[in-house]
PDB file of N, CA and C in Angstrom:
ATOM      1  N   MET A   1     -26.295  43.963  88.801  1.00  0.00           N
ATOM      2  CA  MET A   1     -25.779  43.798  90.066  1.00  0.00           C
ATOM      3  C   MET A   1     -26.102  42.390  90.323  1.00  0.00           C
ATOM      4  N   THR A   2     -25.299  41.737  91.073  1.00  0.00           N
ATOM      5  CA  THR A   2     -25.697  40.336  91.385  1.00  0.00           C
ATOM      6  C   THR A   2     -25.713  40.277  92.949  1.00  0.00           C
ATOM      7  N   VAL A   3     -26.879  39.723  93.437  1.00  0.00           N
ATOM      8  CA  VAL A   3     -27.154  39.767  94.877  1.00  0.00           C
ATOM      9  C   VAL A   3     -27.555  38.331  95.205  1.00  0.00           C
ATOM     10  N   LYS A   4     -26.777  37.738  96.181  1.00  0.00           N
ATOM     11  CA  LYS A   4     -27.083  36.440  96.731  1.00  0.00           C
ATOM     12  C   LYS A   4     -27.461  36.514  98.140  1.00  0.00           C
ATOM     13  N   VAL A   5     -28.388  35.842  98.668  1.00  0.00           N
ATOM     14  CA  VAL A   5     -28.768  35.805 100.071  1.00  0.00           C
ATOM     15  C   VAL A   5     -28.667  34.371 100.466  1.00  0.00           C
ATOM     16  N   TYR A   6     -27.748  34.087 101.507  1.00  0.00           N
ATOM     17  CA  TYR A   6     -27.708  32.700 101.851  1.00  0.00           C
ATOM     18  C   TYR A   6     -28.476  32.638 103.221  1.00  0.00           C
ATOM     19  N   SER A   7     -29.401  31.918 103.360  1.00  0.00           N
ATOM     20  CA  SER A   7     -30.451  31.879 104.380  1.00  0.00           C
ATOM     21  C   SER A   7     -30.808  30.534 104.807  1.00  0.00           C
ATOM     22  N   THR A   8     -31.694  30.423 105.756  1.00  0.00           N
ATOM     23  CA  THR A   8     -32.374  29.252 106.158  1.00  0.00           C
ATOM     24  C   THR A   8     -33.919  29.566 106.272  1.00  0.00           C
ATOM     25  N   PRO A   9     -34.753  28.736 106.180  1.00  0.00           N
ATOM     26  CA  PRO A   9     -36.335  29.208 106.219  1.00  0.00           C
ATOM     27  C   PRO A   9     -36.619  29.465 107.623  1.00  0.00           C
ATOM     28  N   THR A  10     -35.998  29.179 108.647  1.00  0.00           N
ATOM     29  CA  THR A  10     -36.422  29.388 109.932  1.00  0.00           C
ATOM     30  C   THR A  10     -35.792  30.862 110.533  1.00  0.00           C
ATOM     31  N   CYS A  11     -34.865  31.327 109.749  1.00  0.00           N
ATOM     32  CA  CYS A  11     -34.150  32.581 110.271  1.00  0.00           C
ATOM     33  C   CYS A  11     -35.086  33.899 110.203  1.00  0.00           C
ATOM     34  N   PRO A  12     -35.474  34.554 111.235  1.00  0.00           N
ATOM     35  CA  PRO A  12     -36.185  35.880 110.982  1.00  0.00           C
ATOM     36  C   PRO A  12     -35.363  36.851 110.407  1.00  0.00           C
ATOM     37  N   TRP A  13     -34.098  36.965 110.639  1.00  0.00           N
ATOM     38  CA  TRP A  13     -33.232  38.017 110.039  1.00  0.00           C
ATOM     39  C   TRP A  13     -33.146  37.809 108.584  1.00  0.00           C
ATOM     40  N   CYS A  14     -33.048  36.686 108.244  1.00  0.00           N
ATOM     41  CA  CYS A  14     -33.037  36.259 106.745  1.00  0.00           C
ATOM     42  C   CYS A  14     -34.402  36.715 106.119  1.00  0.00           C
ATOM     43  N   THR A  15     -35.412  36.505 106.719  1.00  0.00           N
ATOM     44  CA  THR A  15     -36.785  36.942 106.262  1.00  0.00           C
ATOM     45  C   THR A  15     -36.738  38.523 105.994  1.00  0.00           C
ATOM     46  N   MET A  16     -36.152  39.242 106.962  1.00  0.00           N
ATOM     47  CA  MET A  16     -36.338  40.666 107.032  1.00  0.00           C
ATOM     48  C   MET A  16     -35.372  41.224 105.899  1.00  0.00           C
ATOM     49  N   ALA A  17     -34.100  40.580 105.751  1.00  0.00           N
ATOM     50  CA  ALA A  17     -33.306  40.991 104.690  1.00  0.00           C
ATOM     51  C   ALA A  17     -33.846  40.733 103.241  1.00  0.00           C
ATOM     52  N   LYS A  18     -34.420  39.642 103.082  1.00  0.00           N
ATOM     53  CA  LYS A  18     -35.024  39.388 101.775  1.00  0.00           C
ATOM     54  C   LYS A  18     -36.295  40.297 101.474  1.00  0.00           C
ATOM     55  N   ASN A  19     -37.143  40.349 102.613  1.00  0.00           N
ATOM     56  CA  ASN A  19     -38.167  41.452 102.428  1.00  0.00           C
ATOM     57  C   ASN A  19     -37.723  42.727 102.065  1.00  0.00           C
ATOM     58  N   TYR A  20     -36.704  43.202 102.822  1.00  0.00           N
ATOM     59  CA  TYR A  20     -35.939  44.569 102.453  1.00  0.00           C
ATOM     60  C   TYR A  20     -35.563  44.774 101.019  1.00  0.00           C
ATOM     61  N   LEU A  21     -34.878  43.562 100.545  1.00  0.00           N
ATOM     62  CA  LEU A  21     -34.359  43.708  99.166  1.00  0.00           C
ATOM     63  C   LEU A  21     -35.636  43.708  98.316  1.00  0.00           C
ATOM     64  N   ALA A  22     -36.471  42.978  98.388  1.00  0.00           N
ATOM     65  CA  ALA A  22     -37.846  43.000  97.645  1.00  0.00           C
ATOM     66  C   ALA A  22     -38.383  44.293  97.506  1.00  0.00           C
ATOM     67  N   SER A  23     -38.379  45.005  98.822  1.00  0.00           N
ATOM     68  CA  SER A  23     -39.001  46.183  98.935  1.00  0.00           C
ATOM     69  C   SER A  23     -38.464  47.310  98.038  1.00  0.00           C
ATOM     70  N   LYS A  24     -36.933  47.141  97.715  1.00  0.00           N
ATOM     71  CA  LYS A  24     -36.203  47.979  97.042  1.00  0.00           C
ATOM     72  C   LYS A  24     -36.260  47.685  95.603  1.00  0.00           C
ATOM     73  N   ASN A  25     -36.909  46.454  95.237  1.00  0.00           N
ATOM     74  CA  ASN A  25     -37.042  45.954  93.944  1.00  0.00           C
ATOM     75  C   ASN A  25     -35.675  45.451  93.422  1.00  0.00           C
ATOM     76  N   ILE A  26     -34.960  44.897  94.352  1.00  0.00           N
ATOM     77  CA  ILE A  26     -33.497  44.270  94.057  1.00  0.00           C
ATOM     78  C   ILE A  26     -33.799  42.809  93.729  1.00  0.00           C
ATOM     79  N   ALA A  27     -33.489  42.271  92.559  1.00  0.00           N
ATOM     80  CA  ALA A  27     -33.497  40.899  92.237  1.00  0.00           C
ATOM     81  C   ALA A  27     -32.289  40.075  93.077  1.00  0.00           C
ATOM     82  N   PHE A  28     -32.803  39.016  93.713  1.00  0.00           N
ATOM     83  CA  PHE A  28     -31.737  38.362  94.323  1.00  0.00           C
ATOM     84  C   PHE A  28     -31.893  36.874  94.214  1.00  0.00           C
ATOM     85  N   GLU A  29     -30.816  36.110  94.449  1.00  0.00           N
ATOM     86  CA  GLU A  29     -30.862  34.666  94.501  1.00  0.00           C
ATOM     87  C   GLU A  29     -30.876  34.269  95.948  1.00  0.00           C
ATOM     88  N   ASP A  30     -32.024  33.605  96.211  1.00  0.00           N
ATOM     89  CA  ASP A  30     -32.232  33.081  97.692  1.00  0.00           C
ATOM     90  C   ASP A  30     -31.632  31.589  97.730  1.00  0.00           C
ATOM     91  N   ILE A  31     -30.632  31.435  98.603  1.00  0.00           N
ATOM     92  CA  ILE A  31     -29.855  30.185  98.655  1.00  0.00           C
ATOM     93  C   ILE A  31     -30.063  29.654  99.966  1.00  0.00           C
ATOM     94  N   ASP A  32     -30.896  28.457 100.164  1.00  0.00           N
ATOM     95  CA  ASP A  32     -31.156  27.888 101.349  1.00  0.00           C
ATOM     96  C   ASP A  32     -30.175  26.922 101.769  1.00  0.00           C
ATOM     97  N   VAL A  33     -29.173  27.443 102.669  1.00  0.00           N
ATOM     98  CA  VAL A  33     -28.000  26.546 102.991  1.00  0.00           C
ATOM     99  C   VAL A  33     -28.287  25.474 103.911  1.00  0.00           C
ATOM    100  N   SER A  34     -29.522  25.395 104.523  1.00  0.00           N
ATOM    101  CA  SER A  34     -30.114  24.115 105.142  1.00  0.00           C
ATOM    102  C   SER A  34     -30.288  22.948 104.414  1.00  0.00           C
ATOM    103  N   ARG A  35     -30.388  23.248 103.067  1.00  0.00           N
ATOM    104  CA  ARG A  35     -30.674  22.011 102.168  1.00  0.00           C
ATOM    105  C   ARG A  35     -29.724  21.898 101.132  1.00  0.00           C
ATOM    106  N   ASN A  36     -28.728  22.756 101.034  1.00  0.00           N
ATOM    107  CA  ASN A  36     -27.570  22.579 100.141  1.00  0.00           C
ATOM    108  C   ASN A  36     -26.144  22.731 100.974  1.00  0.00           C
ATOM    109  N   PRO A  37     -25.862  21.593 101.189  1.00  0.00           N
ATOM    110  CA  PRO A  37     -24.351  21.678 101.951  1.00  0.00           C
ATOM    111  C   PRO A  37     -23.291  22.380 101.206  1.00  0.00           C
ATOM    112  N   ARG A  38     -23.273  22.143  99.869  1.00  0.00           N
ATOM    113  CA  ARG A  38     -22.216  22.744  98.964  1.00  0.00           C
ATOM    114  C   ARG A  38     -22.352  24.168  99.141  1.00  0.00           C
ATOM    115  N   LYS A  39     -23.604  24.745  99.087  1.00  0.00           N
ATOM    116  CA  LYS A  39     -23.719  26.315  99.245  1.00  0.00           C
ATOM    117  C   LYS A  39     -23.481  26.743 100.664  1.00  0.00           C
ATOM    118  N   ALA A  40     -23.619  25.950 101.632  1.00  0.00           N
ATOM    119  CA  ALA A  40     -23.286  26.233 103.002  1.00  0.00           C
ATOM    120  C   ALA A  40     -21.765  26.434 103.157  1.00  0.00           C
ATOM    121  N   ILE A  41     -21.037  25.457 102.459  1.00  0.00           N
ATOM    122  CA  ILE A  41     -19.504  25.526 102.483  1.00  0.00           C
ATOM    123  C   ILE A  41     -19.176  26.895 101.765  1.00  0.00           C
ATOM    124  N   GLU A  42     -19.834  27.138 100.596  1.00  0.00           N
ATOM    125  CA  GLU A  42     -19.471  28.327  99.931  1.00  0.00           C
ATOM    126  C   GLU A  42     -19.591  29.620 100.625  1.00  0.00           C
ATOM    127  N   MET A  43     -20.754  29.451 101.491  1.00  0.00           N
ATOM    128  CA  MET A  43     -21.011  30.714 102.200  1.00  0.00           C
ATOM    129  C   MET A  43     -20.001  30.961 103.453  1.00  0.00           C
ATOM    130  N   ILE A  44     -19.644  29.818 103.882  1.00  0.00           N
ATOM    131  CA  ILE A  44     -18.486  29.935 105.088  1.00  0.00           C
ATOM    132  C   ILE A  44     -17.280  30.404 104.472  1.00  0.00           C
ATOM    133  N   GLU A  45     -16.841  29.806 103.165  1.00  0.00           N
ATOM    134  CA  GLU A  45     -15.623  30.388 102.691  1.00  0.00           C
ATOM    135  C   GLU A  45     -15.659  31.928 102.371  1.00  0.00           C
ATOM    136  N   LYS A  46     -17.029  32.429 101.824  1.00  0.00           N
ATOM    137  CA  LYS A  46     -16.827  33.666 101.547  1.00  0.00           C
ATOM    138  C   LYS A  46     -16.847  34.655 102.803  1.00  0.00           C
ATOM    139  N   SER A  47     -17.408  34.083 103.794  1.00  0.00           N
ATOM    140  CA  SER A  47     -17.817  35.194 104.974  1.00  0.00           C
ATOM    141  C   SER A  47     -16.936  34.865 106.199  1.00  0.00           C
ATOM    142  N   GLY A  48     -16.500  33.587 106.268  1.00  0.00           N
ATOM    143  CA  GLY A  48     -15.916  33.156 107.489  1.00  0.00           C
ATOM    144  C   GLY A  48     -16.947  32.900 108.639  1.00  0.00           C
ATOM    145  N   GLN A  49     -18.081  32.988 108.239  1.00  0.00           N
ATOM    146  CA  GLN A  49     -19.310  32.947 109.370  1.00  0.00           C
ATOM    147  C   GLN A  49     -20.071  31.576 109.068  1.00  0.00           C
ATOM    148  N   ARG A  50     -20.765  30.984 110.050  1.00  0.00           N
ATOM    149  CA  ARG A  50     -21.722  29.990 109.943  1.00  0.00           C
ATOM    150  C   ARG A  50     -22.997  30.506 110.079  1.00  0.00           C
ATOM    151  N   GLY A  51     -23.217  31.654 110.479  1.00  0.00           N
ATOM    152  CA  GLY A  51     -24.596  32.398 110.872  1.00  0.00           C
ATOM    153  C   GLY A  51     -25.163  32.916 109.605  1.00  0.00           C
ATOM    154  N   VAL A  52     -26.475  32.844 109.605  1.00  0.00           N
ATOM    155  CA  VAL A  52     -27.286  33.501 108.427  1.00  0.00           C
ATOM    156  C   VAL A  52     -27.907  34.723 108.822  1.00  0.00           C
ATOM    157  N   PRO A  53     -28.297  35.518 108.168  1.00  0.00           N
ATOM    158  CA  PRO A  53     -28.120  35.725 106.548  1.00  0.00           C
ATOM    159  C   PRO A  53     -26.693  36.192 106.205  1.00  0.00           C
ATOM    160  N   VAL A  54     -26.047  35.654 105.224  1.00  0.00           N
ATOM    161  CA  VAL A  54     -24.966  36.334 104.475  1.00  0.00           C
ATOM    162  C   VAL A  54     -25.430  36.708 103.213  1.00  0.00           C
ATOM    163  N   ILE A  55     -25.185  38.098 102.842  1.00  0.00           N
ATOM    164  CA  ILE A  55     -25.698  38.680 101.737  1.00  0.00           C
ATOM    165  C   ILE A  55     -24.346  38.970 100.858  1.00  0.00           C
ATOM    166  N   ASP A  56     -24.423  38.600  99.549  1.00  0.00           N
ATOM    167  CA  ASP A  56     -23.309  38.869  98.724  1.00  0.00           C
ATOM    168  C   ASP A  56     -23.689  39.782  97.694  1.00  0.00           C
ATOM    169  N   ILE A  57     -23.247  41.035  97.661  1.00  0.00           N
ATOM    170  CA  ILE A  57     -23.698  41.969  96.683  1.00  0.00           C
ATOM    171  C   ILE A  57     -22.466  42.408  95.658  1.00  0.00           C
ATOM    172  N   ASN A  58     -22.511  41.868  94.642  1.00  0.00           N
ATOM    173  CA  ASN A  58     -21.219  42.006  93.680  1.00  0.00           C
ATOM    174  C   ASN A  58     -19.942  41.537  94.366  1.00  0.00           C
ATOM    175  N   GLY A  59     -20.072  40.457  95.163  1.00  0.00           N
ATOM    176  CA  GLY A  59     -18.797  39.965  95.715  1.00  0.00           C
ATOM    177  C   GLY A  59     -18.389  40.632  97.000  1.00  0.00           C
ATOM    178  N   GLN A  60     -19.108  41.567  97.410  1.00  0.00           N
ATOM    179  CA  GLN A  60     -18.853  42.222  98.740  1.00  0.00           C
ATOM    180  C   GLN A  60     -19.875  41.601  99.778  1.00  0.00           C
ATOM    181  N   ILE A  61     -19.359  41.104 100.864  1.00  0.00           N
ATOM    182  CA  ILE A  61     -20.254  40.395 101.906  1.00  0.00           C
ATOM    183  C   ILE A  61     -20.718  41.243 103.024  1.00  0.00           C
ATOM    184  N   ILE A  62     -21.954  40.852 103.413  1.00  0.00           N
ATOM    185  CA  ILE A  62     -22.580  41.543 104.512  1.00  0.00           C
ATOM    186  C   ILE A  62     -22.998  40.358 105.253  1.00  0.00           C
ATOM    187  N   VAL A  63     -22.487  40.272 106.719  1.00  0.00           N
ATOM    188  CA  VAL A  63     -23.064  39.340 107.606  1.00  0.00           C
ATOM    189  C   VAL A  63     -24.201  39.758 108.361  1.00  0.00           C
ATOM    190  N   GLY A  64     -25.142  39.081 108.392  1.00  0.00           N
ATOM    191  CA  GLY A  64     -26.453  39.590 109.098  1.00  0.00           C
ATOM    192  C   GLY A  64     -27.197  40.720 108.308  1.00  0.00           C
ATOM    193  N   PHE A  65     -28.369  41.228 108.856  1.00  0.00           N
ATOM    194  CA  PHE A  65     -29.146  42.208 108.067  1.00  0.00           C
ATOM    195  C   PHE A  65     -28.702  43.486 108.622  1.00  0.00           C
ATOM    196  N   ASP A  66     -27.965  44.073 107.748  1.00  0.00           N
ATOM    197  CA  ASP A  66     -27.532  45.459 107.952  1.00  0.00           C
ATOM    198  C   ASP A  66     -28.061  46.376 106.913  1.00  0.00           C
ATOM    199  N   GLN A  67     -29.226  46.999 107.300  1.00  0.00           N
ATOM    200  CA  GLN A  67     -29.840  47.963 106.279  1.00  0.00           C
ATOM    201  C   GLN A  67     -29.029  48.873 105.739  1.00  0.00           C
ATOM    202  N   LYS A  68     -28.200  49.596 106.503  1.00  0.00           N
ATOM    203  CA  LYS A  68     -27.289  50.708 106.068  1.00  0.00           C
ATOM    204  C   LYS A  68     -26.273  50.251 105.033  1.00  0.00           C
ATOM    205  N   LYS A  69     -25.803  49.203 105.414  1.00  0.00           N
ATOM    206  CA  LYS A  69     -24.738  48.547 104.472  1.00  0.00           C
ATOM    207  C   LYS A  69     -25.349  48.182 103.208  1.00  0.00           C
ATOM    208  N   ILE A  70     -26.460  47.515 103.204  1.00  0.00           N
ATOM    209  CA  ILE A  70     -27.194  46.980 102.089  1.00  0.00           C
ATOM    210  C   ILE A  70     -27.449  48.350 101.156  1.00  0.00           C
ATOM    211  N   ASP A  71     -28.022  49.472 101.789  1.00  0.00           N
ATOM    212  CA  ASP A  71     -28.296  50.733 100.942  1.00  0.00           C
ATOM    213  C   ASP A  71     -27.048  51.196 100.354  1.00  0.00           C
ATOM    214  N   GLU A  72     -26.012  51.259 101.122  1.00  0.00           N
ATOM    215  CA  GLU A  72     -24.672  51.708 100.486  1.00  0.00           C
ATOM    216  C   GLU A  72     -24.334  50.939  99.315  1.00  0.00           C
ATOM    217  N   MET A  73     -24.403  49.685  99.313  1.00  0.00           N
ATOM    218  CA  MET A  73     -23.911  48.705  98.338  1.00  0.00           C
ATOM    219  C   MET A  73     -24.787  48.775  97.088  1.00  0.00           C
ATOM    220  N   ILE A  74     -26.148  48.972  97.322  1.00  0.00           N
ATOM    221  CA  ILE A  74     -26.990  49.126  96.101  1.00  0.00           C
ATOM    222  C   ILE A  74     -27.215  50.520  95.547  1.00  0.00           C
ATOM    223  N   GLY A  75     -26.624  51.411  96.295  1.00  0.00           N
ATOM    224  CA  GLY A  75     -26.742  52.837  95.900  1.00  0.00           C
ATOM    225  C   GLY A  75     -27.970  53.588  96.258  1.00  0.00           C
ATOM    226  N   SER A  76     -28.707  53.038  97.346  1.00  0.00           N
ATOM    227  CA  SER A  76     -30.077  53.892  97.731  1.00  0.00           C
ATOM    228  C   SER A  76     -29.647  55.047  98.476  1.00  0.00           C
TER     229      SER A  76
END
């Protein structure tokens, strides 16, 4: 399973999403879009959104911290 979290350091929802994934022992790549313009563009292209977090689980996109959707996609 490949999980990417597009986030910023000041986003409380991003922190909640990353903490939730960690609590489920799900490894993820944390991508700070505030420091990486190329990844910010990638996030916008994938999601159509400029807001964070954007979570990419095996190519499926979740915009925002949606615990139910995360659970569905990781099979919890």
